[in-house]
Full PDB file with SEQRES, HELIX, SHEET, SSBOND, CRYST1, ORIGX, SCALE, CONECT and MASTER records, all heavy atoms in Angstrom:
SEQRES   1 A   32  LEU LEU ALA ALA VAL ILE LEU MET GLY ILE ILE GLN ILE          
SEQRES   2 A   32  ALA ALA GLY VAL PHE LYS LEU GLY ARG PHE VAL ARG LEU          
SEQRES   3 A   32  ILE PRO HIS PRO VAL MET                                      
HELIX    1 AA1 LEU A    2  VAL A   17  1                                  16    
HELIX    2 AA2 GLY A   21  LEU A   26  5                                   6    
CRYST1    1.000    1.000    1.000  90.00  90.00  90.00 P 1           1          
ORIGX1      1.000000  0.000000  0.000000        0.00000                         
ORIGX2      0.000000  1.000000  0.000000        0.00000                         
ORIGX3      0.000000  0.000000  1.000000        0.00000                         
SCALE1      1.000000  0.000000  0.000000        0.00000                         
SCALE2      0.000000  1.000000  0.000000        0.00000                         
SCALE3      0.000000  0.000000  1.000000        0.00000                         
ATOM      1  N   LEU A   1       9.501  16.247  73.808  1.00  0.00           N  
ATOM      2  CA  LEU A   1      10.091  14.860  73.938  1.00  0.00           C  
ATOM      3  C   LEU A   1      11.560  14.805  73.596  1.00  0.00           C  
ATOM      4  O   LEU A   1      12.301  14.219  74.285  1.00  0.00           O  
ATOM      5  CB  LEU A   1       9.276  13.947  73.137  1.00  0.00           C  
ATOM      6  CG  LEU A   1       9.826  12.562  72.924  1.00  0.00           C  
ATOM      7  CD1 LEU A   1       9.860  11.793  74.218  1.00  0.00           C  
ATOM      8  CD2 LEU A   1       9.013  11.821  71.811  1.00  0.00           C  
ATOM      9  N   LEU A   2      11.892  15.416  72.437  1.00  0.00           N  
ATOM     10  CA  LEU A   2      13.369  15.282  72.015  1.00  0.00           C  
ATOM     11  C   LEU A   2      14.254  16.067  72.977  1.00  0.00           C  
ATOM     12  O   LEU A   2      15.360  15.627  73.342  1.00  0.00           O  
ATOM     13  CB  LEU A   2      13.422  16.022  70.627  1.00  0.00           C  
ATOM     14  CG  LEU A   2      12.642  15.380  69.399  1.00  0.00           C  
ATOM     15  CD1 LEU A   2      12.969  16.101  68.139  1.00  0.00           C  
ATOM     16  CD2 LEU A   2      12.830  13.888  69.354  1.00  0.00           C  
ATOM     17  N   ALA A   3      13.742  17.126  73.537  1.00  0.00           N  
ATOM     18  CA  ALA A   3      14.568  17.837  74.543  1.00  0.00           C  
ATOM     19  C   ALA A   3      14.757  17.031  75.754  1.00  0.00           C  
ATOM     20  O   ALA A   3      15.819  16.903  76.364  1.00  0.00           O  
ATOM     21  CB  ALA A   3      13.924  19.203  74.825  1.00  0.00           C  
ATOM     22  N   ALA A   4      13.670  16.420  76.198  1.00  0.00           N  
ATOM     23  CA  ALA A   4      13.756  15.603  77.420  1.00  0.00           C  
ATOM     24  C   ALA A   4      14.664  14.394  77.123  1.00  0.00           C  
ATOM     25  O   ALA A   4      15.344  13.944  78.045  1.00  0.00           O  
ATOM     26  CB  ALA A   4      12.355  15.061  77.760  1.00  0.00           C  
ATOM     27  N   VAL A   5      14.670  13.751  75.990  1.00  0.00           N  
ATOM     28  CA  VAL A   5      15.511  12.622  75.654  1.00  0.00           C  
ATOM     29  C   VAL A   5      16.986  13.073  75.644  1.00  0.00           C  
ATOM     30  O   VAL A   5      17.857  12.348  76.201  1.00  0.00           O  
ATOM     31  CB  VAL A   5      15.217  12.046  74.277  1.00  0.00           C  
ATOM     32  CG1 VAL A   5      16.193  11.045  73.834  1.00  0.00           C  
ATOM     33  CG2 VAL A   5      13.828  11.406  74.327  1.00  0.00           C  
ATOM     34  N   ILE A   6      17.292  14.227  75.208  1.00  0.00           N  
ATOM     35  CA  ILE A   6      18.654  14.766  75.167  1.00  0.00           C  
ATOM     36  C   ILE A   6      19.062  15.034  76.731  1.00  0.00           C  
ATOM     37  O   ILE A   6      20.223  14.577  77.104  1.00  0.00           O  
ATOM     38  CB  ILE A   6      18.824  16.112  74.424  1.00  0.00           C  
ATOM     39  CG1 ILE A   6      18.583  15.848  72.918  1.00  0.00           C  
ATOM     40  CG2 ILE A   6      20.135  16.733  74.675  1.00  0.00           C  
ATOM     41  CD1 ILE A   6      18.387  17.070  72.086  1.00  0.00           C  
ATOM     42  N   LEU A   7      18.232  15.594  77.517  1.00  0.00           N  
ATOM     43  CA  LEU A   7      18.536  15.797  78.933  1.00  0.00           C  
ATOM     44  C   LEU A   7      18.731  14.477  79.638  1.00  0.00           C  
ATOM     45  O   LEU A   7      19.584  14.291  80.553  1.00  0.00           O  
ATOM     46  CB  LEU A   7      17.407  16.668  79.554  1.00  0.00           C  
ATOM     47  CG  LEU A   7      17.727  17.106  81.033  1.00  0.00           C  
ATOM     48  CD1 LEU A   7      19.031  17.690  81.260  1.00  0.00           C  
ATOM     49  CD2 LEU A   7      16.507  17.949  81.607  1.00  0.00           C  
ATOM     50  N   MET A   8      17.823  13.531  79.344  1.00  0.00           N  
ATOM     51  CA  MET A   8      17.932  12.170  79.833  1.00  0.00           C  
ATOM     52  C   MET A   8      19.350  11.574  79.654  1.00  0.00           C  
ATOM     53  O   MET A   8      19.901  11.020  80.501  1.00  0.00           O  
ATOM     54  CB  MET A   8      16.837  11.336  79.234  1.00  0.00           C  
ATOM     55  CG  MET A   8      16.995   9.859  79.428  1.00  0.00           C  
ATOM     56  SD  MET A   8      15.728   8.890  78.368  1.00  0.00           S  
ATOM     57  CE  MET A   8      16.259   7.210  78.754  1.00  0.00           C  
ATOM     58  N   GLY A   9      19.789  11.679  78.445  1.00  0.00           N  
ATOM     59  CA  GLY A   9      21.110  11.247  78.056  1.00  0.00           C  
ATOM     60  C   GLY A   9      22.254  11.941  78.842  1.00  0.00           C  
ATOM     61  O   GLY A   9      23.209  11.219  79.269  1.00  0.00           O  
ATOM     62  N   ILE A  10      22.120  13.270  79.040  1.00  0.00           N  
ATOM     63  CA  ILE A  10      23.047  13.914  79.844  1.00  0.00           C  
ATOM     64  C   ILE A  10      23.199  13.454  81.248  1.00  0.00           C  
ATOM     65  O   ILE A  10      24.195  13.258  81.835  1.00  0.00           O  
ATOM     66  CB  ILE A  10      22.806  15.479  79.805  1.00  0.00           C  
ATOM     67  CG1 ILE A  10      22.956  16.074  78.389  1.00  0.00           C  
ATOM     68  CG2 ILE A  10      23.762  16.307  80.829  1.00  0.00           C  
ATOM     69  CD1 ILE A  10      22.492  17.476  78.284  1.00  0.00           C  
ATOM     70  N   ILE A  11      22.048  13.192  81.857  1.00  0.00           N  
ATOM     71  CA  ILE A  11      21.984  12.692  83.190  1.00  0.00           C  
ATOM     72  C   ILE A  11      22.591  11.362  83.277  1.00  0.00           C  
ATOM     73  O   ILE A  11      23.366  10.947  84.259  1.00  0.00           O  
ATOM     74  CB  ILE A  11      20.444  12.586  83.766  1.00  0.00           C  
ATOM     75  CG1 ILE A  11      19.850  14.022  83.844  1.00  0.00           C  
ATOM     76  CG2 ILE A  11      20.347  11.846  85.032  1.00  0.00           C  
ATOM     77  CD1 ILE A  11      18.382  14.086  84.059  1.00  0.00           C  
ATOM     78  N   GLN A  12      22.346  10.484  82.289  1.00  0.00           N  
ATOM     79  CA  GLN A  12      22.866   9.119  82.290  1.00  0.00           C  
ATOM     80  C   GLN A  12      24.358   9.107  82.150  1.00  0.00           C  
ATOM     81  O   GLN A  12      25.125   8.336  82.769  1.00  0.00           O  
ATOM     82  CB  GLN A  12      22.297   8.234  81.116  1.00  0.00           C  
ATOM     83  CG  GLN A  12      20.785   7.911  81.437  1.00  0.00           C  
ATOM     84  CD  GLN A  12      20.143   7.218  80.274  1.00  0.00           C  
ATOM     85  OE1 GLN A  12      20.519   7.377  79.089  1.00  0.00           O  
ATOM     86  NE2 GLN A  12      19.221   6.297  80.629  1.00  0.00           N  
ATOM     87  N   ILE A  13      24.905  10.038  81.325  1.00  0.00           N  
ATOM     88  CA  ILE A  13      26.396  10.129  81.104  1.00  0.00           C  
ATOM     89  C   ILE A  13      26.961  10.590  82.544  1.00  0.00           C  
ATOM     90  O   ILE A  13      27.989  10.103  82.918  1.00  0.00           O  
ATOM     91  CB  ILE A  13      26.677  11.180  80.072  1.00  0.00           C  
ATOM     92  CG1 ILE A  13      26.449  10.565  78.712  1.00  0.00           C  
ATOM     93  CG2 ILE A  13      28.251  11.511  80.094  1.00  0.00           C  
ATOM     94  CD1 ILE A  13      26.743  11.511  77.548  1.00  0.00           C  
ATOM     95  N   ALA A  14      26.394  11.604  83.198  1.00  0.00           N  
ATOM     96  CA  ALA A  14      26.790  11.955  84.513  1.00  0.00           C  
ATOM     97  C   ALA A  14      26.828  10.810  85.486  1.00  0.00           C  
ATOM     98  O   ALA A  14      27.719  10.707  86.265  1.00  0.00           O  
ATOM     99  CB  ALA A  14      25.932  13.115  85.029  1.00  0.00           C  
ATOM    100  N   ALA A  15      25.885   9.946  85.369  1.00  0.00           N  
ATOM    101  CA  ALA A  15      25.798   8.763  86.291  1.00  0.00           C  
ATOM    102  C   ALA A  15      27.004   7.912  86.085  1.00  0.00           C  
ATOM    103  O   ALA A  15      27.618   7.354  86.929  1.00  0.00           O  
ATOM    104  CB  ALA A  15      24.445   8.032  86.052  1.00  0.00           C  
ATOM    105  N   GLY A  16      27.347   7.785  84.761  1.00  0.00           N  
ATOM    106  CA  GLY A  16      28.549   6.912  84.404  1.00  0.00           C  
ATOM    107  C   GLY A  16      29.836   7.580  84.866  1.00  0.00           C  
ATOM    108  O   GLY A  16      30.729   6.909  85.341  1.00  0.00           O  
ATOM    109  N   VAL A  17      29.898   8.869  84.641  1.00  0.00           N  
ATOM    110  CA  VAL A  17      31.181   9.750  85.004  1.00  0.00           C  
ATOM    111  C   VAL A  17      31.367   9.570  86.550  1.00  0.00           C  
ATOM    112  O   VAL A  17      32.554   9.412  87.005  1.00  0.00           O  
ATOM    113  CB  VAL A  17      31.092  11.102  84.553  1.00  0.00           C  
ATOM    114  CG1 VAL A  17      32.194  11.931  85.107  1.00  0.00           C  
ATOM    115  CG2 VAL A  17      31.113  11.222  83.039  1.00  0.00           C  
ATOM    116  N   PHE A  18      30.269   9.644  87.348  1.00  0.00           N  
ATOM    117  CA  PHE A  18      30.470   9.666  88.804  1.00  0.00           C  
ATOM    118  C   PHE A  18      30.384   8.163  89.291  1.00  0.00           C  
ATOM    119  O   PHE A  18      30.211   7.926  90.434  1.00  0.00           O  
ATOM    120  CB  PHE A  18      29.400  10.472  89.388  1.00  0.00           C  
ATOM    121  CG  PHE A  18      29.599  11.930  89.299  1.00  0.00           C  
ATOM    122  CD1 PHE A  18      28.873  12.684  88.294  1.00  0.00           C  
ATOM    123  CD2 PHE A  18      30.542  12.608  89.959  1.00  0.00           C  
ATOM    124  CE1 PHE A  18      29.047  14.015  88.182  1.00  0.00           C  
ATOM    125  CE2 PHE A  18      30.737  13.966  89.872  1.00  0.00           C  
ATOM    126  CZ  PHE A  18      30.020  14.637  88.959  1.00  0.00           C  
ATOM    127  N   LYS A  19      30.475   7.180  88.334  1.00  0.00           N  
ATOM    128  CA  LYS A  19      30.538   5.795  88.656  1.00  0.00           C  
ATOM    129  C   LYS A  19      29.444   5.345  89.579  1.00  0.00           C  
ATOM    130  O   LYS A  19      29.523   4.514  90.532  1.00  0.00           O  
ATOM    131  CB  LYS A  19      31.957   5.472  89.325  1.00  0.00           C  
ATOM    132  CG  LYS A  19      33.164   5.906  88.491  1.00  0.00           C  
ATOM    133  CD  LYS A  19      34.413   5.462  89.079  1.00  0.00           C  
ATOM    134  CE  LYS A  19      35.633   5.953  88.273  1.00  0.00           C  
ATOM    135  NZ  LYS A  19      35.620   5.433  86.951  1.00  0.00           N  
ATOM    136  N   LEU A  20      28.183   5.688  89.175  1.00  0.00           N  
ATOM    137  CA  LEU A  20      27.056   5.236  89.924  1.00  0.00           C  
ATOM    138  C   LEU A  20      26.594   3.824  89.430  1.00  0.00           C  
ATOM    139  O   LEU A  20      25.764   3.203  89.988  1.00  0.00           O  
ATOM    140  CB  LEU A  20      25.883   6.199  89.696  1.00  0.00           C  
ATOM    141  CG  LEU A  20      26.171   7.572  90.312  1.00  0.00           C  
ATOM    142  CD1 LEU A  20      24.821   8.457  90.090  1.00  0.00           C  
ATOM    143  CD2 LEU A  20      26.593   7.573  91.651  1.00  0.00           C  
ATOM    144  N   GLY A  21      27.123   3.399  88.282  1.00  0.00           N  
ATOM    145  CA  GLY A  21      26.816   2.145  87.750  1.00  0.00           C  
ATOM    146  C   GLY A  21      27.227   0.942  88.681  1.00  0.00           C  
ATOM    147  O   GLY A  21      26.619  -0.105  88.673  1.00  0.00           O  
ATOM    148  N   ARG A  22      28.123   1.191  89.596  1.00  0.00           N  
ATOM    149  CA  ARG A  22      28.571   0.133  90.493  1.00  0.00           C  
ATOM    150  C   ARG A  22      27.568  -0.261  91.459  1.00  0.00           C  
ATOM    151  O   ARG A  22      27.433  -1.376  92.028  1.00  0.00           O  
ATOM    152  CB  ARG A  22      29.828   0.637  91.239  1.00  0.00           C  
ATOM    153  CG  ARG A  22      29.564   1.648  92.295  1.00  0.00           C  
ATOM    154  CD  ARG A  22      30.804   2.056  93.023  1.00  0.00           C  
ATOM    155  NE  ARG A  22      31.668   2.872  92.139  1.00  0.00           N  
ATOM    156  CZ  ARG A  22      32.831   3.420  92.555  1.00  0.00           C  
ATOM    157  NH1 ARG A  22      33.090   3.342  93.832  1.00  0.00           N  
ATOM    158  NH2 ARG A  22      33.610   4.098  91.796  1.00  0.00           N  
ATOM    159  N   PHE A  23      26.608   0.711  91.759  1.00  0.00           N  
ATOM    160  CA  PHE A  23      25.511   0.367  92.749  1.00  0.00           C  
ATOM    161  C   PHE A  23      24.576  -0.733  92.291  1.00  0.00           C  
ATOM    162  O   PHE A  23      23.881  -1.186  93.235  1.00  0.00           O  
ATOM    163  CB  PHE A  23      24.813   1.681  93.116  1.00  0.00           C  
ATOM    164  CG  PHE A  23      25.636   2.688  93.839  1.00  0.00           C  
ATOM    165  CD1 PHE A  23      26.075   3.798  93.227  1.00  0.00           C  
ATOM    166  CD2 PHE A  23      25.953   2.401  95.195  1.00  0.00           C  
ATOM    167  CE1 PHE A  23      26.909   4.695  93.988  1.00  0.00           C  
ATOM    168  CE2 PHE A  23      26.829   3.322  95.891  1.00  0.00           C  
ATOM    169  CZ  PHE A  23      27.169   4.470  95.236  1.00  0.00           C  
ATOM    170  N   VAL A  24      24.557  -1.035  91.043  1.00  0.00           N  
ATOM    171  CA  VAL A  24      23.609  -2.059  90.680  1.00  0.00           C  
ATOM    172  C   VAL A  24      24.173  -3.458  91.223  1.00  0.00           C  
ATOM    173  O   VAL A  24      23.355  -4.440  91.372  1.00  0.00           O  
ATOM    174  CB  VAL A  24      23.572  -2.178  89.059  1.00  0.00           C  
ATOM    175  CG1 VAL A  24      24.765  -2.797  88.466  1.00  0.00           C  
ATOM    176  CG2 VAL A  24      22.311  -3.064  88.642  1.00  0.00           C  
ATOM    177  N   ARG A  25      25.427  -3.521  91.498  1.00  0.00           N  
ATOM    178  CA  ARG A  25      25.947  -4.780  92.202  1.00  0.00           C  
ATOM    179  C   ARG A  25      25.370  -4.910  93.509  1.00  0.00           C  
ATOM    180  O   ARG A  25      25.605  -5.989  94.078  1.00  0.00           O  
ATOM    181  CB  ARG A  25      27.462  -4.549  92.229  1.00  0.00           C  
ATOM    182  CG  ARG A  25      28.203  -4.380  90.943  1.00  0.00           C  
ATOM    183  CD  ARG A  25      28.031  -5.498  89.881  1.00  0.00           C  
ATOM    184  NE  ARG A  25      28.672  -5.296  88.683  1.00  0.00           N  
ATOM    185  CZ  ARG A  25      28.547  -6.093  87.609  1.00  0.00           C  
ATOM    186  NH1 ARG A  25      27.843  -7.247  87.727  1.00  0.00           N  
ATOM    187  NH2 ARG A  25      29.092  -5.705  86.465  1.00  0.00           N  
ATOM    188  N   LEU A  26      24.806  -3.867  94.145  1.00  0.00           N  
ATOM    189  CA  LEU A  26      24.242  -3.955  95.464  1.00  0.00           C  
ATOM    190  C   LEU A  26      22.846  -4.527  95.427  1.00  0.00           C  
ATOM    191  O   LEU A  26      22.205  -4.806  96.510  1.00  0.00           O  
ATOM    192  CB  LEU A  26      24.290  -2.633  96.141  1.00  0.00           C  
ATOM    193  CG  LEU A  26      25.623  -1.962  96.379  1.00  0.00           C  
ATOM    194  CD1 LEU A  26      25.399  -0.589  97.055  1.00  0.00           C  
ATOM    195  CD2 LEU A  26      26.563  -2.825  97.244  1.00  0.00           C  
ATOM    196  N   ILE A  27      22.276  -4.778  94.212  1.00  0.00           N  
ATOM    197  CA  ILE A  27      20.906  -5.195  94.173  1.00  0.00           C  
ATOM    198  C   ILE A  27      20.933  -6.686  94.560  1.00  0.00           C  
ATOM    199  O   ILE A  27      21.636  -7.538  93.967  1.00  0.00           O  
ATOM    200  CB  ILE A  27      20.368  -5.070  92.737  1.00  0.00           C  
ATOM    201  CG1 ILE A  27      20.216  -3.641  92.465  1.00  0.00           C  
ATOM    202  CG2 ILE A  27      18.997  -5.711  92.609  1.00  0.00           C  
ATOM    203  CD1 ILE A  27      19.798  -3.258  91.044  1.00  0.00           C  
ATOM    204  N   PRO A  28      20.205  -7.090  95.616  1.00  0.00           N  
ATOM    205  CA  PRO A  28      20.095  -8.429  96.119  1.00  0.00           C  
ATOM    206  C   PRO A  28      19.596  -9.454  95.072  1.00  0.00           C  
ATOM    207  O   PRO A  28      18.833  -9.045  94.155  1.00  0.00           O  
ATOM    208  CB  PRO A  28      19.298  -8.472  97.368  1.00  0.00           C  
ATOM    209  CG  PRO A  28      19.117  -7.029  97.742  1.00  0.00           C  
ATOM    210  CD  PRO A  28      19.297  -6.269  96.455  1.00  0.00           C  
ATOM    211  N   HIS A  29      19.988 -10.794  95.166  1.00  0.00           N  
ATOM    212  CA  HIS A  29      19.474 -11.733  94.217  1.00  0.00           C  
ATOM    213  C   HIS A  29      17.898 -11.906  94.191  1.00  0.00           C  
ATOM    214  O   HIS A  29      17.369 -12.032  93.102  1.00  0.00           O  
ATOM    215  CB  HIS A  29      20.159 -13.105  94.546  1.00  0.00           C  
ATOM    216  CG  HIS A  29      19.918 -14.149  93.496  1.00  0.00           C  
ATOM    217  ND1 HIS A  29      20.532 -14.028  92.232  1.00  0.00           N  
ATOM    218  CD2 HIS A  29      19.138 -15.253  93.451  1.00  0.00           C  
ATOM    219  CE1 HIS A  29      20.141 -15.115  91.507  1.00  0.00           C  
ATOM    220  NE2 HIS A  29      19.308 -15.784  92.251  1.00  0.00           N  
ATOM    221  N   PRO A  30      17.246 -11.847  95.421  1.00  0.00           N  
ATOM    222  CA  PRO A  30      15.865 -12.014  95.312  1.00  0.00           C  
ATOM    223  C   PRO A  30      15.187 -10.875  94.478  1.00  0.00           C  
ATOM    224  O   PRO A  30      14.191 -11.084  93.790  1.00  0.00           O  
ATOM    225  CB  PRO A  30      15.355 -11.939  96.781  1.00  0.00           C  
ATOM    226  CG  PRO A  30      16.577 -12.433  97.597  1.00  0.00           C  
ATOM    227  CD  PRO A  30      17.712 -11.901  96.794  1.00  0.00           C  
ATOM    228  N   VAL A  31      15.720  -9.673  94.598  1.00  0.00           N  
ATOM    229  CA  VAL A  31      15.268  -8.539  93.808  1.00  0.00           C  
ATOM    230  C   VAL A  31      15.554  -8.802  92.271  1.00  0.00           C  
ATOM    231  O   VAL A  31      14.559  -8.579  91.430  1.00  0.00           O  
ATOM    232  CB  VAL A  31      15.936  -7.283  94.181  1.00  0.00           C  
ATOM    233  CG1 VAL A  31      15.451  -6.088  93.336  1.00  0.00           C  
ATOM    234  CG2 VAL A  31      15.592  -6.907  95.730  1.00  0.00           C  
ATOM    235  N   MET A  32      16.738  -9.298  91.999  1.00  0.00           N  
ATOM    236  CA  MET A  32      17.065  -9.725  90.596  1.00  0.00           C  
ATOM    237  C   MET A  32      16.094 -10.672  90.046  1.00  0.00           C  
ATOM    238  O   MET A  32      15.610 -10.541  88.941  1.00  0.00           O  
ATOM    239  CB  MET A  32      18.451 -10.087  90.521  1.00  0.00           C  
ATOM    240  CG  MET A  32      18.916 -10.458  89.079  1.00  0.00           C  
ATOM    241  SD  MET A  32      19.038  -8.988  88.098  1.00  0.00           S  
ATOM    242  CE  MET A  32      19.527  -9.664  86.478  1.00  0.00           C  
TER     243      MET A  32                                                      
MASTER        0    0    0    2    0    0    0    6  242    1    0    3          
END                                                                             
């Protein structure tokens, strides 16, 4: 579990570095 949590964090940092956070703006209002 601890190893998976660390790897989870690495993947999330990579998502931020590659600016994938912007895609949440594409989520339509009915979905929200």
